[in-house]
N, C-alpha and C. Protein backbone atom coordinates (compact mmCIF):
# COMPACT_ATOMS: atom_id res chain seq x y z
N HIS A 1 23.37 21.84 -15.44
CA HIS A 1 24.70 21.26 -15.31
C HIS A 1 24.89 20.64 -13.93
N GLY A 2 23.87 19.92 -13.43
CA GLY A 2 23.96 19.25 -12.15
C GLY A 2 23.78 20.16 -10.95
N ARG A 3 23.32 21.41 -11.17
CA ARG A 3 23.13 22.34 -10.07
C ARG A 3 21.65 22.71 -9.97
N ILE A 4 21.18 22.94 -8.75
CA ILE A 4 19.81 23.42 -8.56
C ILE A 4 19.74 24.86 -9.02
N VAL A 5 18.78 25.17 -9.87
CA VAL A 5 18.63 26.51 -10.41
C VAL A 5 17.75 27.38 -9.52
N ASP A 6 16.66 26.81 -9.00
CA ASP A 6 15.73 27.61 -8.20
C ASP A 6 14.93 26.70 -7.29
N VAL A 7 14.81 27.06 -6.04
CA VAL A 7 13.95 26.35 -5.09
C VAL A 7 13.28 27.41 -4.22
N ARG A 8 11.98 27.33 -4.10
CA ARG A 8 11.26 28.28 -3.26
C ARG A 8 10.22 27.53 -2.44
N ALA A 9 9.93 28.04 -1.28
CA ALA A 9 8.89 27.46 -0.42
C ALA A 9 7.82 28.52 -0.20
N TYR A 10 6.57 28.08 -0.20
CA TYR A 10 5.45 29.00 -0.04
C TYR A 10 4.51 28.50 1.06
N GLY A 11 3.84 29.42 1.71
CA GLY A 11 2.80 29.05 2.66
C GLY A 11 3.35 28.77 4.05
N MET A 12 2.46 28.20 4.86
CA MET A 12 2.77 27.94 6.26
C MET A 12 2.76 26.44 6.53
N ARG A 13 3.72 25.97 7.27
CA ARG A 13 3.69 24.58 7.72
C ARG A 13 2.90 24.44 9.01
N ASP A 14 2.72 25.55 9.71
CA ASP A 14 1.96 25.58 10.97
C ASP A 14 1.39 26.99 11.09
N ARG A 15 0.11 27.14 10.73
CA ARG A 15 -0.52 28.47 10.75
C ARG A 15 -0.64 29.03 12.16
N GLU A 16 -1.02 28.16 13.11
CA GLU A 16 -1.24 28.63 14.47
C GLU A 16 0.03 29.23 15.09
N ASN A 17 1.17 28.64 14.79
CA ASN A 17 2.44 29.11 15.34
C ASN A 17 3.22 29.98 14.36
N ARG A 18 2.58 30.32 13.22
CA ARG A 18 3.18 31.20 12.20
C ARG A 18 4.54 30.68 11.72
N LEU A 19 4.64 29.37 11.51
CA LEU A 19 5.88 28.78 11.01
C LEU A 19 5.75 28.58 9.50
N PRO A 20 6.68 29.12 8.73
CA PRO A 20 6.58 29.02 7.28
C PRO A 20 7.04 27.66 6.74
N MET A 21 6.56 27.34 5.55
CA MET A 21 7.14 26.21 4.82
C MET A 21 8.58 26.56 4.51
N GLU A 22 9.47 25.59 4.62
CA GLU A 22 10.88 25.81 4.32
C GLU A 22 11.35 24.70 3.40
N ARG A 23 12.55 24.87 2.86
CA ARG A 23 13.08 23.87 1.92
C ARG A 23 13.15 22.48 2.53
N ASP A 24 13.36 22.40 3.85
CA ASP A 24 13.50 21.08 4.48
C ASP A 24 12.26 20.67 5.27
N THR A 25 11.11 21.34 5.02
CA THR A 25 9.87 20.94 5.68
C THR A 25 9.50 19.53 5.24
N ILE A 26 9.08 18.71 6.19
CA ILE A 26 8.66 17.34 5.90
C ILE A 26 7.14 17.34 5.76
N CYS A 27 6.64 16.78 4.67
CA CYS A 27 5.21 16.70 4.40
C CYS A 27 4.77 15.25 4.33
N ARG A 28 3.58 14.98 4.80
CA ARG A 28 3.03 13.63 4.70
C ARG A 28 2.70 13.33 3.24
N VAL A 29 2.96 12.12 2.81
CA VAL A 29 2.69 11.77 1.41
C VAL A 29 1.45 10.90 1.25
N TYR A 30 0.96 10.31 2.35
CA TYR A 30 -0.25 9.48 2.31
C TYR A 30 -0.23 8.51 1.12
N SER A 31 -1.20 8.56 0.25
CA SER A 31 -1.31 7.56 -0.82
C SER A 31 -0.22 7.67 -1.89
N MET A 32 0.63 8.69 -1.81
CA MET A 32 1.78 8.71 -2.71
C MET A 32 2.73 7.56 -2.37
N SER A 33 2.54 6.96 -1.19
CA SER A 33 3.33 5.77 -0.86
C SER A 33 3.01 4.63 -1.82
N LYS A 34 1.86 4.68 -2.48
CA LYS A 34 1.54 3.67 -3.49
C LYS A 34 2.54 3.72 -4.64
N ILE A 35 2.94 4.92 -5.03
CA ILE A 35 3.93 5.05 -6.10
C ILE A 35 5.27 4.49 -5.64
N ILE A 36 5.66 4.80 -4.41
CA ILE A 36 6.92 4.29 -3.87
C ILE A 36 6.91 2.77 -3.86
N THR A 37 5.81 2.18 -3.41
CA THR A 37 5.70 0.71 -3.37
C THR A 37 5.75 0.14 -4.77
N SER A 38 5.09 0.78 -5.71
CA SER A 38 5.09 0.29 -7.09
C SER A 38 6.50 0.35 -7.68
N VAL A 39 7.27 1.39 -7.37
CA VAL A 39 8.66 1.46 -7.84
C VAL A 39 9.48 0.33 -7.23
N ALA A 40 9.22 0.00 -5.96
CA ALA A 40 9.92 -1.12 -5.31
C ALA A 40 9.61 -2.43 -6.03
N VAL A 41 8.34 -2.61 -6.43
CA VAL A 41 7.98 -3.80 -7.21
C VAL A 41 8.75 -3.81 -8.53
N LEU A 42 8.85 -2.65 -9.18
CA LEU A 42 9.58 -2.57 -10.45
C LEU A 42 11.05 -2.93 -10.27
N CYS A 43 11.64 -2.58 -9.13
CA CYS A 43 13.03 -2.98 -8.84
C CYS A 43 13.16 -4.50 -8.87
N LEU A 44 12.19 -5.17 -8.21
CA LEU A 44 12.24 -6.63 -8.16
C LEU A 44 11.90 -7.25 -9.52
N LEU A 45 11.11 -6.55 -10.33
CA LEU A 45 10.87 -7.01 -11.70
C LEU A 45 12.17 -6.94 -12.51
N GLU A 46 12.88 -5.82 -12.38
CA GLU A 46 14.16 -5.67 -13.07
C GLU A 46 15.17 -6.71 -12.61
N ASP A 47 15.12 -7.07 -11.34
CA ASP A 47 16.03 -8.09 -10.80
C ASP A 47 15.66 -9.50 -11.25
N GLY A 48 14.48 -9.65 -11.85
CA GLY A 48 14.03 -10.97 -12.27
C GLY A 48 13.42 -11.80 -11.15
N VAL A 49 13.19 -11.17 -10.00
CA VAL A 49 12.61 -11.87 -8.86
C VAL A 49 11.10 -12.01 -9.02
N LEU A 50 10.47 -11.00 -9.61
CA LEU A 50 9.03 -10.98 -9.84
C LEU A 50 8.74 -10.87 -11.33
N ARG A 51 7.53 -11.30 -11.70
CA ARG A 51 7.00 -11.09 -13.05
C ARG A 51 5.59 -10.54 -12.89
N LEU A 52 5.17 -9.67 -13.81
CA LEU A 52 3.86 -9.04 -13.69
C LEU A 52 2.72 -10.03 -13.59
N ASP A 53 2.83 -11.14 -14.29
CA ASP A 53 1.73 -12.10 -14.29
C ASP A 53 1.90 -13.24 -13.30
N ASP A 54 2.85 -13.07 -12.37
CA ASP A 54 2.97 -14.03 -11.26
C ASP A 54 1.68 -13.99 -10.44
N PRO A 55 1.13 -15.15 -10.10
CA PRO A 55 0.01 -15.14 -9.15
C PRO A 55 0.54 -14.72 -7.78
N VAL A 56 -0.24 -13.93 -7.09
CA VAL A 56 0.20 -13.42 -5.80
C VAL A 56 0.42 -14.56 -4.80
N ASP A 57 -0.32 -15.66 -4.98
CA ASP A 57 -0.16 -16.77 -4.02
C ASP A 57 1.18 -17.49 -4.16
N ARG A 58 1.95 -17.15 -5.21
CA ARG A 58 3.32 -17.68 -5.30
C ARG A 58 4.14 -17.19 -4.12
N PHE A 59 3.87 -15.97 -3.68
CA PHE A 59 4.59 -15.37 -2.55
C PHE A 59 3.76 -15.35 -1.28
N LEU A 60 2.45 -15.29 -1.45
CA LEU A 60 1.54 -15.24 -0.31
C LEU A 60 0.54 -16.39 -0.43
N PRO A 61 0.96 -17.61 -0.09
CA PRO A 61 0.06 -18.76 -0.26
C PRO A 61 -1.24 -18.63 0.54
N GLU A 62 -1.25 -17.73 1.53
CA GLU A 62 -2.47 -17.49 2.29
C GLU A 62 -3.60 -16.98 1.40
N LEU A 63 -3.24 -16.38 0.26
CA LEU A 63 -4.24 -15.78 -0.63
C LEU A 63 -4.63 -16.70 -1.79
N LYS A 64 -4.39 -17.97 -1.63
CA LYS A 64 -4.80 -18.95 -2.64
C LYS A 64 -6.29 -19.26 -2.47
N GLN A 65 -6.97 -19.47 -3.57
CA GLN A 65 -8.38 -19.87 -3.58
C GLN A 65 -9.29 -18.88 -2.85
N LEU A 66 -9.16 -17.62 -3.22
CA LEU A 66 -10.03 -16.59 -2.65
C LEU A 66 -11.43 -16.69 -3.23
N LYS A 67 -12.37 -16.13 -2.53
CA LYS A 67 -13.77 -16.13 -2.95
C LYS A 67 -14.19 -14.72 -3.32
N VAL A 68 -15.25 -14.62 -4.12
CA VAL A 68 -15.82 -13.35 -4.54
C VAL A 68 -17.22 -13.25 -3.96
N ILE A 69 -17.57 -12.10 -3.40
CA ILE A 69 -18.90 -11.91 -2.85
C ILE A 69 -19.88 -11.65 -4.01
N THR A 70 -21.02 -12.31 -3.98
CA THR A 70 -22.02 -12.14 -5.04
C THR A 70 -23.34 -11.61 -4.49
N GLY A 71 -23.44 -11.44 -3.18
CA GLY A 71 -24.66 -10.95 -2.56
C GLY A 71 -24.69 -11.35 -1.10
N GLY A 72 -25.88 -11.38 -0.56
CA GLY A 72 -26.05 -11.74 0.84
C GLY A 72 -25.84 -10.57 1.77
N THR A 73 -25.54 -10.89 3.00
CA THR A 73 -25.37 -9.87 4.04
C THR A 73 -23.98 -10.00 4.65
N THR A 74 -23.68 -9.08 5.53
CA THR A 74 -22.39 -9.15 6.23
C THR A 74 -22.32 -10.43 7.06
N GLU A 75 -23.44 -10.80 7.67
CA GLU A 75 -23.47 -11.99 8.51
C GLU A 75 -23.51 -13.28 7.69
N ALA A 76 -24.09 -13.22 6.51
CA ALA A 76 -24.22 -14.41 5.65
C ALA A 76 -23.96 -14.03 4.19
N PRO A 77 -22.69 -13.75 3.85
CA PRO A 77 -22.40 -13.37 2.47
C PRO A 77 -22.52 -14.57 1.52
N LEU A 78 -22.96 -14.30 0.30
CA LEU A 78 -22.98 -15.32 -0.74
C LEU A 78 -21.65 -15.23 -1.48
N LEU A 79 -20.96 -16.36 -1.59
CA LEU A 79 -19.61 -16.36 -2.16
C LEU A 79 -19.49 -17.39 -3.27
N GLU A 80 -18.58 -17.11 -4.22
CA GLU A 80 -18.22 -18.08 -5.24
C GLU A 80 -16.72 -18.04 -5.44
N PRO A 81 -16.12 -19.13 -5.92
CA PRO A 81 -14.68 -19.13 -6.13
C PRO A 81 -14.26 -18.09 -7.17
N ALA A 82 -13.12 -17.44 -6.95
CA ALA A 82 -12.59 -16.50 -7.94
C ALA A 82 -12.28 -17.25 -9.23
N GLN A 83 -12.57 -16.62 -10.35
CA GLN A 83 -12.37 -17.26 -11.65
C GLN A 83 -10.91 -17.39 -12.04
N ARG A 84 -10.05 -16.59 -11.42
CA ARG A 84 -8.62 -16.62 -11.72
C ARG A 84 -7.87 -16.10 -10.49
N PRO A 85 -6.61 -16.43 -10.35
CA PRO A 85 -5.86 -15.91 -9.20
C PRO A 85 -5.52 -14.44 -9.40
N ILE A 86 -5.31 -13.75 -8.29
CA ILE A 86 -4.81 -12.38 -8.34
C ILE A 86 -3.35 -12.43 -8.79
N THR A 87 -3.00 -11.54 -9.71
CA THR A 87 -1.60 -11.42 -10.15
C THR A 87 -1.03 -10.10 -9.65
N LEU A 88 0.29 -9.98 -9.79
CA LEU A 88 0.92 -8.71 -9.43
C LEU A 88 0.39 -7.58 -10.31
N ARG A 89 0.11 -7.88 -11.57
CA ARG A 89 -0.47 -6.88 -12.48
C ARG A 89 -1.81 -6.37 -11.92
N HIS A 90 -2.64 -7.29 -11.43
CA HIS A 90 -3.92 -6.88 -10.84
C HIS A 90 -3.70 -5.95 -9.64
N LEU A 91 -2.72 -6.29 -8.80
CA LEU A 91 -2.46 -5.46 -7.62
C LEU A 91 -1.95 -4.08 -8.04
N LEU A 92 -1.06 -4.02 -9.01
CA LEU A 92 -0.51 -2.74 -9.45
C LEU A 92 -1.57 -1.85 -10.10
N THR A 93 -2.59 -2.45 -10.69
CA THR A 93 -3.61 -1.67 -11.41
C THR A 93 -4.93 -1.59 -10.65
N HIS A 94 -4.96 -2.05 -9.43
CA HIS A 94 -6.17 -2.03 -8.58
C HIS A 94 -7.34 -2.74 -9.27
N THR A 95 -7.03 -3.87 -9.87
CA THR A 95 -8.08 -4.68 -10.50
C THR A 95 -8.19 -6.07 -9.87
N SER A 96 -7.67 -6.21 -8.66
CA SER A 96 -7.64 -7.52 -7.98
C SER A 96 -8.99 -7.92 -7.40
N GLY A 97 -9.84 -6.95 -7.11
CA GLY A 97 -11.09 -7.22 -6.39
C GLY A 97 -11.01 -6.88 -4.92
N LEU A 98 -9.81 -6.58 -4.42
CA LEU A 98 -9.66 -6.13 -3.04
C LEU A 98 -10.18 -4.71 -2.94
N THR A 99 -10.76 -4.35 -1.81
CA THR A 99 -11.32 -3.02 -1.63
C THR A 99 -10.79 -2.41 -0.34
N TYR A 100 -11.34 -1.29 0.05
CA TYR A 100 -11.00 -0.64 1.31
C TYR A 100 -12.17 -0.78 2.28
N ASP A 101 -11.87 -0.70 3.55
CA ASP A 101 -12.92 -0.79 4.58
C ASP A 101 -13.70 0.50 4.73
N PHE A 102 -13.20 1.62 4.21
CA PHE A 102 -13.87 2.91 4.38
C PHE A 102 -14.63 3.35 3.14
N ALA A 103 -14.74 2.47 2.15
CA ALA A 103 -15.30 2.87 0.85
C ALA A 103 -16.81 2.76 0.78
N GLY A 104 -17.50 2.39 1.84
CA GLY A 104 -18.95 2.30 1.80
C GLY A 104 -19.50 1.52 2.98
N GLN A 105 -20.79 1.26 2.92
CA GLN A 105 -21.47 0.54 4.00
C GLN A 105 -22.09 -0.77 3.51
N SER A 106 -21.70 -1.23 2.33
CA SER A 106 -22.22 -2.48 1.79
C SER A 106 -21.67 -3.66 2.60
N PRO A 107 -22.24 -4.84 2.43
CA PRO A 107 -21.74 -6.00 3.19
C PRO A 107 -20.23 -6.22 3.05
N ILE A 108 -19.68 -6.08 1.85
CA ILE A 108 -18.24 -6.33 1.71
C ILE A 108 -17.42 -5.29 2.47
N HIS A 109 -17.85 -4.04 2.43
CA HIS A 109 -17.10 -3.00 3.15
C HIS A 109 -17.18 -3.22 4.65
N LEU A 110 -18.31 -3.67 5.12
CA LEU A 110 -18.44 -3.97 6.55
C LEU A 110 -17.61 -5.18 6.93
N LEU A 111 -17.51 -6.17 6.05
CA LEU A 111 -16.64 -7.32 6.31
C LEU A 111 -15.19 -6.85 6.47
N TYR A 112 -14.76 -5.97 5.57
CA TYR A 112 -13.39 -5.44 5.64
C TYR A 112 -13.21 -4.62 6.93
N LYS A 113 -14.21 -3.82 7.26
CA LYS A 113 -14.12 -3.00 8.47
C LYS A 113 -14.06 -3.90 9.71
N ASN A 114 -14.89 -4.93 9.75
CA ASN A 114 -14.92 -5.84 10.90
C ASN A 114 -13.63 -6.65 11.03
N ALA A 115 -12.89 -6.81 9.94
CA ALA A 115 -11.63 -7.56 9.99
C ALA A 115 -10.53 -6.79 10.72
N ASP A 116 -10.75 -5.49 10.96
CA ASP A 116 -9.79 -4.68 11.71
C ASP A 116 -8.39 -4.80 11.10
N LEU A 117 -8.31 -4.54 9.80
CA LEU A 117 -7.08 -4.75 9.04
C LEU A 117 -5.89 -3.94 9.54
N TRP A 118 -6.15 -2.76 10.08
CA TRP A 118 -5.06 -1.83 10.35
C TRP A 118 -4.46 -1.97 11.74
N SER A 119 -4.99 -2.86 12.56
CA SER A 119 -4.34 -3.12 13.84
C SER A 119 -3.50 -4.38 13.67
N GLY A 120 -2.42 -4.44 14.32
CA GLY A 120 -1.57 -5.62 14.22
C GLY A 120 -0.12 -5.23 14.11
N PRO A 121 0.76 -6.17 14.37
CA PRO A 121 2.18 -5.84 14.47
C PRO A 121 2.92 -5.70 13.15
N ASP A 122 2.39 -6.33 12.06
CA ASP A 122 3.19 -6.33 10.83
C ASP A 122 2.34 -6.73 9.63
N LEU A 123 2.99 -6.77 8.47
CA LEU A 123 2.29 -7.13 7.23
C LEU A 123 1.84 -8.59 7.23
N GLN A 124 2.52 -9.45 7.96
CA GLN A 124 2.10 -10.85 8.00
C GLN A 124 0.74 -10.99 8.68
N ASP A 125 0.54 -10.22 9.74
CA ASP A 125 -0.75 -10.21 10.41
C ASP A 125 -1.82 -9.64 9.49
N PHE A 126 -1.47 -8.60 8.76
CA PHE A 126 -2.38 -7.98 7.80
C PHE A 126 -2.82 -9.01 6.74
N ILE A 127 -1.87 -9.76 6.19
CA ILE A 127 -2.19 -10.75 5.15
C ILE A 127 -3.04 -11.88 5.74
N ARG A 128 -2.77 -12.26 6.96
CA ARG A 128 -3.59 -13.29 7.61
C ARG A 128 -5.06 -12.85 7.64
N LYS A 129 -5.30 -11.58 7.93
CA LYS A 129 -6.66 -11.05 7.95
C LYS A 129 -7.25 -10.95 6.55
N VAL A 130 -6.46 -10.48 5.60
CA VAL A 130 -6.93 -10.34 4.22
C VAL A 130 -7.37 -11.70 3.68
N ALA A 131 -6.67 -12.75 4.05
CA ALA A 131 -6.98 -14.10 3.55
C ALA A 131 -8.37 -14.57 3.94
N THR A 132 -8.96 -13.96 4.95
CA THR A 132 -10.30 -14.35 5.40
C THR A 132 -11.41 -13.59 4.68
N LEU A 133 -11.04 -12.63 3.83
CA LEU A 133 -12.02 -11.73 3.23
C LEU A 133 -12.33 -12.09 1.78
N PRO A 134 -13.56 -11.80 1.33
CA PRO A 134 -13.88 -12.02 -0.08
C PRO A 134 -13.41 -10.85 -0.93
N LEU A 135 -13.38 -11.08 -2.22
CA LEU A 135 -13.10 -10.03 -3.19
C LEU A 135 -14.41 -9.37 -3.60
N GLN A 136 -14.35 -8.12 -4.02
CA GLN A 136 -15.54 -7.42 -4.47
C GLN A 136 -15.96 -7.89 -5.86
N HIS A 137 -15.00 -8.31 -6.66
CA HIS A 137 -15.26 -8.81 -8.02
C HIS A 137 -14.12 -9.74 -8.40
N HIS A 138 -14.28 -10.44 -9.50
CA HIS A 138 -13.24 -11.36 -9.95
C HIS A 138 -12.00 -10.58 -10.37
N PRO A 139 -10.80 -11.09 -10.09
CA PRO A 139 -9.58 -10.40 -10.48
C PRO A 139 -9.57 -10.10 -11.98
N GLY A 140 -9.24 -8.86 -12.29
CA GLY A 140 -9.13 -8.43 -13.68
C GLY A 140 -10.42 -7.92 -14.29
N ASP A 141 -11.55 -8.06 -13.60
CA ASP A 141 -12.84 -7.68 -14.19
C ASP A 141 -13.11 -6.18 -14.16
N GLN A 142 -12.62 -5.47 -13.15
CA GLN A 142 -12.86 -4.03 -13.06
C GLN A 142 -11.87 -3.40 -12.10
N TYR A 143 -11.89 -2.08 -12.07
CA TYR A 143 -11.03 -1.29 -11.20
C TYR A 143 -11.74 -1.04 -9.87
N THR A 144 -11.05 -1.29 -8.77
CA THR A 144 -11.55 -0.95 -7.44
C THR A 144 -10.36 -0.48 -6.61
N TYR A 145 -10.42 0.78 -6.19
CA TYR A 145 -9.36 1.33 -5.34
C TYR A 145 -9.41 0.60 -4.01
N GLY A 146 -8.32 -0.05 -3.64
CA GLY A 146 -8.35 -0.85 -2.43
C GLY A 146 -6.97 -1.10 -1.85
N ILE A 147 -6.87 -2.16 -1.08
CA ILE A 147 -5.67 -2.47 -0.29
C ILE A 147 -4.59 -3.17 -1.12
N ASN A 148 -4.68 -3.06 -2.42
CA ASN A 148 -3.74 -3.71 -3.34
C ASN A 148 -2.28 -3.41 -3.01
N THR A 149 -1.97 -2.15 -2.80
CA THR A 149 -0.58 -1.76 -2.58
C THR A 149 -0.07 -2.26 -1.24
N ASP A 150 -0.94 -2.35 -0.26
CA ASP A 150 -0.54 -2.92 1.04
C ASP A 150 -0.15 -4.39 0.86
N VAL A 151 -0.92 -5.10 0.03
CA VAL A 151 -0.60 -6.50 -0.26
C VAL A 151 0.74 -6.58 -1.00
N LEU A 152 0.99 -5.64 -1.92
CA LEU A 152 2.28 -5.61 -2.61
C LEU A 152 3.44 -5.45 -1.63
N GLY A 153 3.24 -4.67 -0.56
CA GLY A 153 4.28 -4.54 0.46
C GLY A 153 4.63 -5.89 1.06
N ALA A 154 3.61 -6.72 1.30
CA ALA A 154 3.86 -8.07 1.84
C ALA A 154 4.57 -8.94 0.81
N VAL A 155 4.21 -8.79 -0.48
CA VAL A 155 4.90 -9.53 -1.54
C VAL A 155 6.37 -9.15 -1.56
N ILE A 156 6.65 -7.87 -1.45
CA ILE A 156 8.05 -7.39 -1.45
C ILE A 156 8.82 -8.01 -0.29
N GLU A 157 8.19 -8.07 0.89
CA GLU A 157 8.87 -8.69 2.04
C GLU A 157 9.22 -10.14 1.75
N ARG A 158 8.25 -10.89 1.25
CA ARG A 158 8.49 -12.32 1.02
C ARG A 158 9.49 -12.54 -0.12
N ALA A 159 9.37 -11.76 -1.19
CA ALA A 159 10.24 -11.97 -2.36
C ALA A 159 11.67 -11.52 -2.10
N SER A 160 11.84 -10.49 -1.27
CA SER A 160 13.18 -9.94 -1.04
C SER A 160 13.85 -10.53 0.20
N GLY A 161 13.04 -11.08 1.13
CA GLY A 161 13.59 -11.57 2.38
C GLY A 161 13.92 -10.44 3.35
N GLN A 162 13.46 -9.22 3.06
CA GLN A 162 13.69 -8.07 3.93
C GLN A 162 12.36 -7.51 4.40
N ARG A 163 12.38 -6.85 5.55
CA ARG A 163 11.21 -6.10 5.97
C ARG A 163 10.95 -5.02 4.93
N PHE A 164 9.69 -4.68 4.73
CA PHE A 164 9.31 -3.74 3.68
C PHE A 164 10.04 -2.41 3.82
N GLY A 165 10.03 -1.83 5.02
CA GLY A 165 10.71 -0.56 5.24
C GLY A 165 12.21 -0.64 4.97
N ALA A 166 12.83 -1.75 5.35
CA ALA A 166 14.26 -1.94 5.12
C ALA A 166 14.56 -2.03 3.62
N PHE A 167 13.68 -2.72 2.89
CA PHE A 167 13.87 -2.82 1.43
C PHE A 167 13.78 -1.43 0.80
N LEU A 168 12.76 -0.64 1.18
CA LEU A 168 12.61 0.70 0.62
C LEU A 168 13.83 1.55 0.94
N GLU A 169 14.33 1.46 2.16
CA GLU A 169 15.49 2.25 2.56
C GLU A 169 16.72 1.88 1.73
N SER A 170 16.97 0.56 1.59
CA SER A 170 18.20 0.13 0.91
C SER A 170 18.14 0.30 -0.60
N ARG A 171 16.96 0.11 -1.19
CA ARG A 171 16.87 0.14 -2.66
C ARG A 171 16.41 1.48 -3.24
N LEU A 172 15.69 2.27 -2.46
CA LEU A 172 15.16 3.53 -3.00
C LEU A 172 15.66 4.76 -2.23
N PHE A 173 15.32 4.82 -0.95
CA PHE A 173 15.55 6.06 -0.21
C PHE A 173 17.04 6.41 -0.09
N ALA A 174 17.87 5.47 0.35
CA ALA A 174 19.31 5.77 0.51
C ALA A 174 19.97 6.08 -0.84
N PRO A 175 19.78 5.24 -1.88
CA PRO A 175 20.43 5.57 -3.16
C PRO A 175 19.99 6.91 -3.75
N LEU A 176 18.75 7.32 -3.49
CA LEU A 176 18.25 8.58 -4.05
C LEU A 176 18.44 9.77 -3.12
N GLY A 177 19.06 9.55 -1.96
CA GLY A 177 19.29 10.63 -1.02
C GLY A 177 18.01 11.14 -0.36
N MET A 178 17.01 10.26 -0.24
CA MET A 178 15.73 10.64 0.37
C MET A 178 15.82 10.45 1.88
N VAL A 179 16.55 11.35 2.53
CA VAL A 179 16.89 11.19 3.94
C VAL A 179 15.72 11.45 4.88
N ASP A 180 14.65 12.05 4.39
CA ASP A 180 13.51 12.35 5.24
C ASP A 180 12.27 11.54 4.88
N THR A 181 12.44 10.48 4.11
CA THR A 181 11.30 9.67 3.68
C THR A 181 11.28 8.38 4.48
N GLY A 182 10.10 8.04 5.02
CA GLY A 182 9.93 6.82 5.79
C GLY A 182 8.51 6.74 6.31
N PHE A 183 8.23 5.69 7.04
CA PHE A 183 6.89 5.50 7.57
C PHE A 183 6.64 6.28 8.85
N ASP A 184 7.69 6.65 9.55
CA ASP A 184 7.58 7.40 10.80
C ASP A 184 8.52 8.59 10.75
N VAL A 185 8.19 9.62 11.51
CA VAL A 185 9.06 10.79 11.65
C VAL A 185 9.74 10.69 13.01
N PRO A 186 11.06 10.61 13.03
CA PRO A 186 11.75 10.51 14.33
C PRO A 186 11.55 11.80 15.14
N PRO A 187 11.59 11.69 16.47
CA PRO A 187 11.33 12.85 17.34
C PRO A 187 12.16 14.09 16.99
N GLU A 188 13.41 13.89 16.61
CA GLU A 188 14.26 15.05 16.32
C GLU A 188 13.86 15.79 15.04
N LYS A 189 13.05 15.14 14.19
CA LYS A 189 12.61 15.79 12.95
C LYS A 189 11.18 16.33 13.05
N LEU A 190 10.47 16.05 14.14
CA LEU A 190 9.08 16.48 14.28
C LEU A 190 8.88 17.99 14.13
N PRO A 191 9.81 18.84 14.59
CA PRO A 191 9.60 20.28 14.39
C PRO A 191 9.54 20.69 12.91
N ARG A 192 10.09 19.89 12.02
CA ARG A 192 10.06 20.18 10.59
C ARG A 192 8.83 19.65 9.88
N LEU A 193 7.97 18.90 10.60
CA LEU A 193 6.79 18.28 10.00
C LEU A 193 5.68 19.30 9.83
N ALA A 194 5.17 19.42 8.60
CA ALA A 194 4.06 20.32 8.33
C ALA A 194 2.77 19.76 8.88
N LYS A 195 1.93 20.63 9.42
CA LYS A 195 0.60 20.20 9.83
C LYS A 195 -0.21 19.95 8.58
N THR A 196 -1.20 19.09 8.70
CA THR A 196 -2.08 18.80 7.57
C THR A 196 -3.39 19.54 7.78
N TYR A 197 -3.73 20.42 6.88
CA TYR A 197 -4.94 21.23 7.00
C TYR A 197 -5.97 20.75 5.96
């Protein structure tokens, strides 16, 4: 009837200092942010701003005419044009051909690692770097866990006209009362942050 029936916390948020998990302990969500980003995309789908089969270059023209690696080395990769554009559906299902820089030591993974994707001021810088990289396979051909959701964050920024974090706050976190969810933990909330073991 709209009331919480039972809530319990177990374990330690900080073993060294003997601090227990509590109802308001803040935990890192890591890749669960992919679900949050996907829900944000669904909001824009419901608004009619996005469609699942929209090519990603409609919002990120930097990603037009991407290439697929077919062999070669990190220094001299063999490339061919992608057979089809990446769509939002491909990004949501990790079938775009984008990969991660930590997923191996093959030429494509080293290309991603050398691109230094994770340094930079914002998603626009990230997309500028992604635009220089090949795909591991043609969009839609197979599943590859990769930077798809990060690219979706940039799509959300361009499609909504808001910074990604601001969009999440206004459309998801604030309406759902998610007062402790965000990309950073403010200093006053750090004592509530659980250590990651």
